[in-house]
Amino acid sequence: MPYSGNGSDNSSNSGSDVSKSLLLRPGVDRILDILCKRQQRLILLQLKEGTVETQSDVMILNDSEAKEREIALVHTHLPKLDDTGYIEWNRETEDISKGPRFDELEPLLELIENHSDELPSDWP
């Protein structure tokens, strides 16, 4: 029986149905939206590893597009991560730290890191 996506089909409790229901939760959309941008993933991974404290820690230098990346960082990526509560970013001091909702996405970051070797070598 096809999965209806509305969560009302309880006819089967197989692992596949559980996975589908977890993947269709609205909170997962928010997390995947954040993780779909490479720069945002890098910031979150660096925060998880404890290697980020300030905005300059996440700036990509020595790049022909450094200025454009800095603009995107300051006007898109950091504000979006801050608005969602995954980070706390002080615009004046440029300090970055884990936000109150960081723990919501940390398990997915760990899952991706811990199982990256299981993906094909030519996987994007």
N, C-alpha and C. Protein backbone atom coordinates (compact mmCIF):
# COMPACT_ATOMS: atom_id res chain seq x y z
N MET A 1 0.84 -1.18 0.00
CA MET A 1 0.00 0.00 0.00
C MET A 1 0.88 1.24 0.00
N PRO A 2 0.67 2.19 -0.89
CA PRO A 2 1.49 3.39 -0.94
C PRO A 2 1.32 4.23 0.32
N TYR A 3 2.37 4.90 0.66
CA TYR A 3 2.34 5.78 1.83
C TYR A 3 1.62 7.06 1.46
N SER A 4 0.62 7.45 2.26
CA SER A 4 -0.20 8.61 1.93
C SER A 4 0.45 9.93 2.28
N GLY A 5 1.43 9.91 3.19
CA GLY A 5 2.11 11.14 3.55
C GLY A 5 1.39 11.96 4.59
N ASN A 6 0.19 11.53 5.01
CA ASN A 6 -0.54 12.31 5.99
C ASN A 6 -0.41 11.75 7.41
N GLY A 7 0.31 10.66 7.54
CA GLY A 7 0.56 10.11 8.87
C GLY A 7 -0.61 9.32 9.42
N SER A 8 -1.71 9.18 8.68
CA SER A 8 -2.88 8.49 9.20
C SER A 8 -2.89 7.01 8.88
N ASP A 9 -1.99 6.54 8.04
CA ASP A 9 -1.95 5.13 7.66
C ASP A 9 -1.14 4.36 8.70
N ASN A 10 -1.82 3.67 9.59
CA ASN A 10 -1.16 2.90 10.63
C ASN A 10 -1.31 1.41 10.40
N SER A 11 -1.58 1.00 9.15
CA SER A 11 -1.82 -0.40 8.87
C SER A 11 -0.56 -1.25 9.00
N SER A 12 0.59 -0.65 8.94
CA SER A 12 1.84 -1.39 9.02
C SER A 12 2.82 -0.62 9.89
N ASN A 13 3.57 -1.33 10.71
CA ASN A 13 4.57 -0.70 11.56
C ASN A 13 5.98 -1.09 11.14
N SER A 14 6.18 -1.34 9.85
CA SER A 14 7.50 -1.75 9.38
C SER A 14 8.48 -0.60 9.51
N GLY A 15 9.76 -0.91 9.50
CA GLY A 15 10.80 0.10 9.58
C GLY A 15 10.69 1.11 8.44
N SER A 16 10.28 0.64 7.26
CA SER A 16 10.14 1.52 6.12
C SER A 16 9.10 2.60 6.38
N ASP A 17 7.97 2.21 6.96
CA ASP A 17 6.92 3.18 7.26
C ASP A 17 7.38 4.19 8.31
N VAL A 18 8.13 3.72 9.31
CA VAL A 18 8.65 4.63 10.33
C VAL A 18 9.60 5.62 9.69
N SER A 19 10.50 5.14 8.83
CA SER A 19 11.45 6.03 8.16
C SER A 19 10.72 7.08 7.35
N LYS A 20 9.71 6.67 6.63
CA LYS A 20 8.97 7.62 5.82
C LYS A 20 8.31 8.67 6.70
N SER A 21 7.71 8.25 7.80
CA SER A 21 7.02 9.22 8.64
C SER A 21 8.02 10.19 9.26
N LEU A 22 9.21 9.73 9.63
CA LEU A 22 10.23 10.62 10.17
C LEU A 22 10.71 11.61 9.13
N LEU A 23 10.90 11.15 7.92
CA LEU A 23 11.40 12.02 6.85
C LEU A 23 10.37 13.05 6.41
N LEU A 24 9.11 12.82 6.69
CA LEU A 24 8.06 13.74 6.26
C LEU A 24 7.67 14.74 7.34
N ARG A 25 8.32 14.70 8.48
CA ARG A 25 8.01 15.67 9.53
C ARG A 25 8.44 17.06 9.09
N PRO A 26 7.65 18.10 9.41
CA PRO A 26 8.00 19.47 8.99
C PRO A 26 9.36 19.94 9.50
N GLY A 27 9.77 19.53 10.68
CA GLY A 27 11.07 19.94 11.21
C GLY A 27 12.22 19.44 10.37
N VAL A 28 12.05 18.31 9.72
CA VAL A 28 13.09 17.76 8.85
C VAL A 28 13.28 18.67 7.64
N ASP A 29 12.20 19.23 7.13
CA ASP A 29 12.31 20.17 6.01
C ASP A 29 13.19 21.35 6.39
N ARG A 30 13.01 21.88 7.59
CA ARG A 30 13.79 23.03 8.05
C ARG A 30 15.27 22.66 8.14
N ILE A 31 15.56 21.49 8.69
CA ILE A 31 16.95 21.05 8.84
C ILE A 31 17.59 20.82 7.48
N LEU A 32 16.88 20.14 6.58
CA LEU A 32 17.44 19.87 5.26
C LEU A 32 17.60 21.15 4.45
N ASP A 33 16.71 22.11 4.65
CA ASP A 33 16.86 23.41 3.99
C ASP A 33 18.16 24.08 4.43
N ILE A 34 18.47 23.99 5.71
CA ILE A 34 19.70 24.57 6.23
C ILE A 34 20.91 23.82 5.69
N LEU A 35 20.83 22.50 5.65
CA LEU A 35 21.97 21.69 5.23
C LEU A 35 22.19 21.66 3.72
N CYS A 36 21.24 22.20 2.95
CA CYS A 36 21.40 22.15 1.49
C CYS A 36 22.44 23.15 0.99
N LYS A 37 22.84 24.10 1.79
CA LYS A 37 23.87 25.07 1.41
C LYS A 37 25.21 24.67 2.00
N ARG A 38 26.20 24.52 1.15
CA ARG A 38 27.52 24.05 1.57
C ARG A 38 28.11 24.92 2.68
N GLN A 39 28.06 26.24 2.53
CA GLN A 39 28.65 27.12 3.53
C GLN A 39 27.97 26.95 4.89
N GLN A 40 26.66 26.76 4.88
CA GLN A 40 25.94 26.56 6.14
C GLN A 40 26.33 25.24 6.78
N ARG A 41 26.48 24.19 5.97
CA ARG A 41 26.92 22.89 6.51
C ARG A 41 28.30 23.02 7.13
N LEU A 42 29.20 23.73 6.44
CA LEU A 42 30.56 23.89 6.97
C LEU A 42 30.55 24.62 8.30
N ILE A 43 29.76 25.67 8.41
CA ILE A 43 29.67 26.41 9.67
C ILE A 43 29.18 25.50 10.78
N LEU A 44 28.13 24.74 10.50
CA LEU A 44 27.56 23.86 11.52
C LEU A 44 28.52 22.74 11.91
N LEU A 45 29.20 22.17 10.93
CA LEU A 45 30.18 21.12 11.22
C LEU A 45 31.34 21.67 12.05
N GLN A 46 31.80 22.87 11.71
CA GLN A 46 32.88 23.48 12.49
C GLN A 46 32.42 23.79 13.91
N LEU A 47 31.19 24.23 14.07
CA LEU A 47 30.67 24.47 15.43
C LEU A 47 30.60 23.16 16.21
N LYS A 48 30.15 22.12 15.55
CA LYS A 48 30.06 20.80 16.19
C LYS A 48 31.43 20.35 16.67
N GLU A 49 32.46 20.61 15.85
CA GLU A 49 33.82 20.21 16.18
C GLU A 49 34.52 21.19 17.12
N GLY A 50 33.89 22.34 17.37
CA GLY A 50 34.46 23.33 18.27
C GLY A 50 35.57 24.16 17.65
N THR A 51 35.58 24.28 16.32
CA THR A 51 36.65 25.03 15.67
C THR A 51 36.22 26.42 15.20
N VAL A 52 35.03 26.85 15.61
CA VAL A 52 34.52 28.17 15.22
C VAL A 52 34.18 28.98 16.46
N GLU A 53 34.67 30.20 16.48
CA GLU A 53 34.30 31.13 17.55
C GLU A 53 33.87 32.48 17.01
N THR A 54 34.42 32.85 15.84
CA THR A 54 34.10 34.16 15.27
C THR A 54 33.79 34.03 13.78
N GLN A 55 33.24 35.07 13.25
CA GLN A 55 32.90 35.14 11.83
C GLN A 55 34.13 34.91 10.95
N SER A 56 35.27 35.42 11.36
CA SER A 56 36.48 35.24 10.53
C SER A 56 36.91 33.78 10.45
N ASP A 57 36.49 32.94 11.41
CA ASP A 57 36.82 31.52 11.37
C ASP A 57 36.13 30.79 10.23
N VAL A 58 35.06 31.36 9.71
CA VAL A 58 34.31 30.69 8.64
C VAL A 58 34.42 31.39 7.30
N MET A 59 35.23 32.43 7.23
CA MET A 59 35.40 33.14 5.97
C MET A 59 36.40 32.39 5.10
N ILE A 60 36.07 32.30 3.82
CA ILE A 60 36.95 31.64 2.86
C ILE A 60 37.81 32.72 2.22
N LEU A 61 39.09 32.67 2.51
CA LEU A 61 40.02 33.67 1.99
C LEU A 61 40.81 33.07 0.83
N ASN A 62 41.60 33.89 0.18
CA ASN A 62 42.45 33.45 -0.94
C ASN A 62 41.64 32.77 -2.03
N ASP A 63 40.54 33.36 -2.32
CA ASP A 63 39.64 32.83 -3.32
C ASP A 63 39.27 33.99 -4.24
N SER A 64 39.17 33.73 -5.51
CA SER A 64 38.84 34.81 -6.45
C SER A 64 37.45 35.38 -6.19
N GLU A 65 36.61 34.63 -5.49
CA GLU A 65 35.26 35.07 -5.18
C GLU A 65 35.10 35.39 -3.69
N ALA A 66 36.20 35.72 -3.03
CA ALA A 66 36.17 35.93 -1.58
C ALA A 66 35.19 37.02 -1.16
N LYS A 67 35.16 38.12 -1.90
CA LYS A 67 34.27 39.22 -1.54
C LYS A 67 32.80 38.80 -1.65
N GLU A 68 32.46 38.09 -2.73
CA GLU A 68 31.10 37.60 -2.92
C GLU A 68 30.72 36.62 -1.83
N ARG A 69 31.66 35.76 -1.45
CA ARG A 69 31.40 34.78 -0.38
C ARG A 69 31.20 35.47 0.96
N GLU A 70 31.97 36.52 1.20
CA GLU A 70 31.83 37.26 2.45
C GLU A 70 30.45 37.94 2.51
N ILE A 71 30.03 38.50 1.41
CA ILE A 71 28.71 39.13 1.35
C ILE A 71 27.61 38.10 1.61
N ALA A 72 27.72 36.93 0.96
CA ALA A 72 26.73 35.87 1.16
C ALA A 72 26.75 35.38 2.61
N LEU A 73 27.94 35.28 3.18
CA LEU A 73 28.07 34.84 4.57
C LEU A 73 27.33 35.78 5.52
N VAL A 74 27.61 37.07 5.37
CA VAL A 74 27.08 38.08 6.29
C VAL A 74 25.61 38.41 6.03
N HIS A 75 25.19 38.32 4.79
CA HIS A 75 23.82 38.72 4.47
C HIS A 75 22.86 37.56 4.26
N THR A 76 23.38 36.35 4.15
CA THR A 76 22.50 35.20 3.93
C THR A 76 22.71 34.09 4.94
N HIS A 77 23.90 33.48 4.93
CA HIS A 77 24.13 32.26 5.70
C HIS A 77 24.06 32.47 7.21
N LEU A 78 24.84 33.40 7.73
CA LEU A 78 24.83 33.63 9.18
C LEU A 78 23.46 34.11 9.67
N PRO A 79 22.81 35.05 8.99
CA PRO A 79 21.48 35.46 9.45
C PRO A 79 20.46 34.32 9.44
N LYS A 80 20.52 33.47 8.40
CA LYS A 80 19.57 32.36 8.31
C LYS A 80 19.80 31.36 9.44
N LEU A 81 21.05 31.02 9.69
CA LEU A 81 21.36 30.09 10.78
C LEU A 81 20.98 30.68 12.14
N ASP A 82 21.19 31.98 12.29
CA ASP A 82 20.83 32.66 13.53
C ASP A 82 19.31 32.71 13.70
N ASP A 83 18.58 33.03 12.64
CA ASP A 83 17.12 33.12 12.70
C ASP A 83 16.49 31.78 13.07
N THR A 84 17.07 30.68 12.60
CA THR A 84 16.52 29.37 12.91
C THR A 84 16.88 28.90 14.32
N GLY A 85 17.83 29.56 14.94
CA GLY A 85 18.25 29.17 16.29
C GLY A 85 19.32 28.10 16.32
N TYR A 86 19.86 27.76 15.16
CA TYR A 86 20.92 26.75 15.13
C TYR A 86 22.26 27.33 15.55
N ILE A 87 22.42 28.63 15.35
CA ILE A 87 23.61 29.32 15.85
C ILE A 87 23.17 30.59 16.56
N GLU A 88 24.08 31.14 17.33
CA GLU A 88 23.92 32.49 17.85
C GLU A 88 25.06 33.30 17.25
N TRP A 89 24.70 34.40 16.60
CA TRP A 89 25.68 35.22 15.91
C TRP A 89 25.50 36.66 16.37
N ASN A 90 26.53 37.21 16.94
CA ASN A 90 26.52 38.60 17.37
C ASN A 90 27.14 39.42 16.25
N ARG A 91 26.33 40.22 15.58
CA ARG A 91 26.79 41.00 14.42
C ARG A 91 27.86 42.02 14.81
N GLU A 92 27.77 42.55 16.02
CA GLU A 92 28.73 43.57 16.44
C GLU A 92 30.10 42.98 16.77
N THR A 93 30.11 41.91 17.55
CA THR A 93 31.39 41.30 17.95
C THR A 93 31.83 40.22 16.97
N GLU A 94 30.91 39.79 16.09
CA GLU A 94 31.14 38.73 15.11
C GLU A 94 31.36 37.36 15.75
N ASP A 95 30.94 37.21 17.01
CA ASP A 95 31.04 35.93 17.70
C ASP A 95 29.97 34.97 17.19
N ILE A 96 30.34 33.70 17.07
CA ILE A 96 29.42 32.64 16.64
C ILE A 96 29.50 31.52 17.67
N SER A 97 28.34 31.01 18.06
CA SER A 97 28.29 29.88 18.97
C SER A 97 27.06 29.03 18.64
N LYS A 98 26.99 27.85 19.23
CA LYS A 98 25.83 26.99 19.02
C LYS A 98 24.60 27.70 19.55
N GLY A 99 23.52 27.59 18.79
CA GLY A 99 22.26 28.20 19.19
C GLY A 99 21.42 27.23 20.02
N PRO A 100 20.30 27.71 20.53
CA PRO A 100 19.44 26.88 21.38
C PRO A 100 18.82 25.68 20.67
N ARG A 101 18.79 25.70 19.34
CA ARG A 101 18.21 24.58 18.59
C ARG A 101 19.27 23.73 17.89
N PHE A 102 20.53 23.97 18.19
CA PHE A 102 21.61 23.22 17.53
C PHE A 102 21.45 21.72 17.74
N ASP A 103 21.00 21.32 18.93
CA ASP A 103 20.87 19.90 19.23
C ASP A 103 19.84 19.19 18.34
N GLU A 104 18.95 19.94 17.68
CA GLU A 104 17.98 19.34 16.77
C GLU A 104 18.65 18.76 15.53
N LEU A 105 19.69 19.41 15.05
CA LEU A 105 20.33 18.94 13.82
C LEU A 105 21.64 18.21 14.06
N GLU A 106 22.16 18.27 15.26
CA GLU A 106 23.43 17.61 15.54
C GLU A 106 23.39 16.10 15.24
N PRO A 107 22.31 15.37 15.57
CA PRO A 107 22.29 13.94 15.22
C PRO A 107 22.42 13.69 13.72
N LEU A 108 21.82 14.54 12.91
CA LEU A 108 21.94 14.37 11.45
C LEU A 108 23.35 14.68 10.97
N LEU A 109 23.98 15.69 11.55
CA LEU A 109 25.38 15.98 11.21
C LEU A 109 26.26 14.79 11.55
N GLU A 110 26.04 14.20 12.71
CA GLU A 110 26.83 13.03 13.13
C GLU A 110 26.57 11.84 12.21
N LEU A 111 25.31 11.64 11.85
CA LEU A 111 24.96 10.54 10.96
C LEU A 111 25.67 10.68 9.62
N ILE A 112 25.65 11.88 9.07
CA ILE A 112 26.31 12.13 7.79
C ILE A 112 27.82 11.89 7.91
N GLU A 113 28.43 12.41 8.97
CA GLU A 113 29.87 12.23 9.16
C GLU A 113 30.24 10.78 9.36
N ASN A 114 29.48 10.07 10.19
CA ASN A 114 29.81 8.69 10.56
C ASN A 114 29.58 7.69 9.43
N HIS A 115 28.77 8.06 8.45
CA HIS A 115 28.46 7.11 7.38
C HIS A 115 28.89 7.60 6.00
N SER A 116 29.69 8.64 5.94
CA SER A 116 30.11 9.17 4.65
C SER A 116 30.93 8.15 3.85
N ASP A 117 31.64 7.27 4.53
CA ASP A 117 32.44 6.26 3.83
C ASP A 117 31.59 5.19 3.15
N GLU A 118 30.30 5.15 3.45
CA GLU A 118 29.42 4.17 2.84
C GLU A 118 28.85 4.65 1.50
N LEU A 119 29.08 5.90 1.18
CA LEU A 119 28.60 6.44 -0.08
C LEU A 119 29.58 6.11 -1.20
N PRO A 120 29.08 5.99 -2.43
CA PRO A 120 30.00 5.74 -3.55
C PRO A 120 31.03 6.86 -3.67
N SER A 121 32.21 6.54 -4.14
CA SER A 121 33.29 7.53 -4.23
C SER A 121 32.93 8.67 -5.19
N ASP A 122 32.09 8.42 -6.17
CA ASP A 122 31.70 9.47 -7.13
C ASP A 122 30.39 10.15 -6.75
N TRP A 123 29.92 9.91 -5.52
CA TRP A 123 28.69 10.53 -5.06
C TRP A 123 28.91 12.02 -4.85
N PRO A 124 27.94 12.83 -5.22
CA PRO A 124 28.15 14.28 -5.11
C PRO A 124 28.50 14.66 -3.74
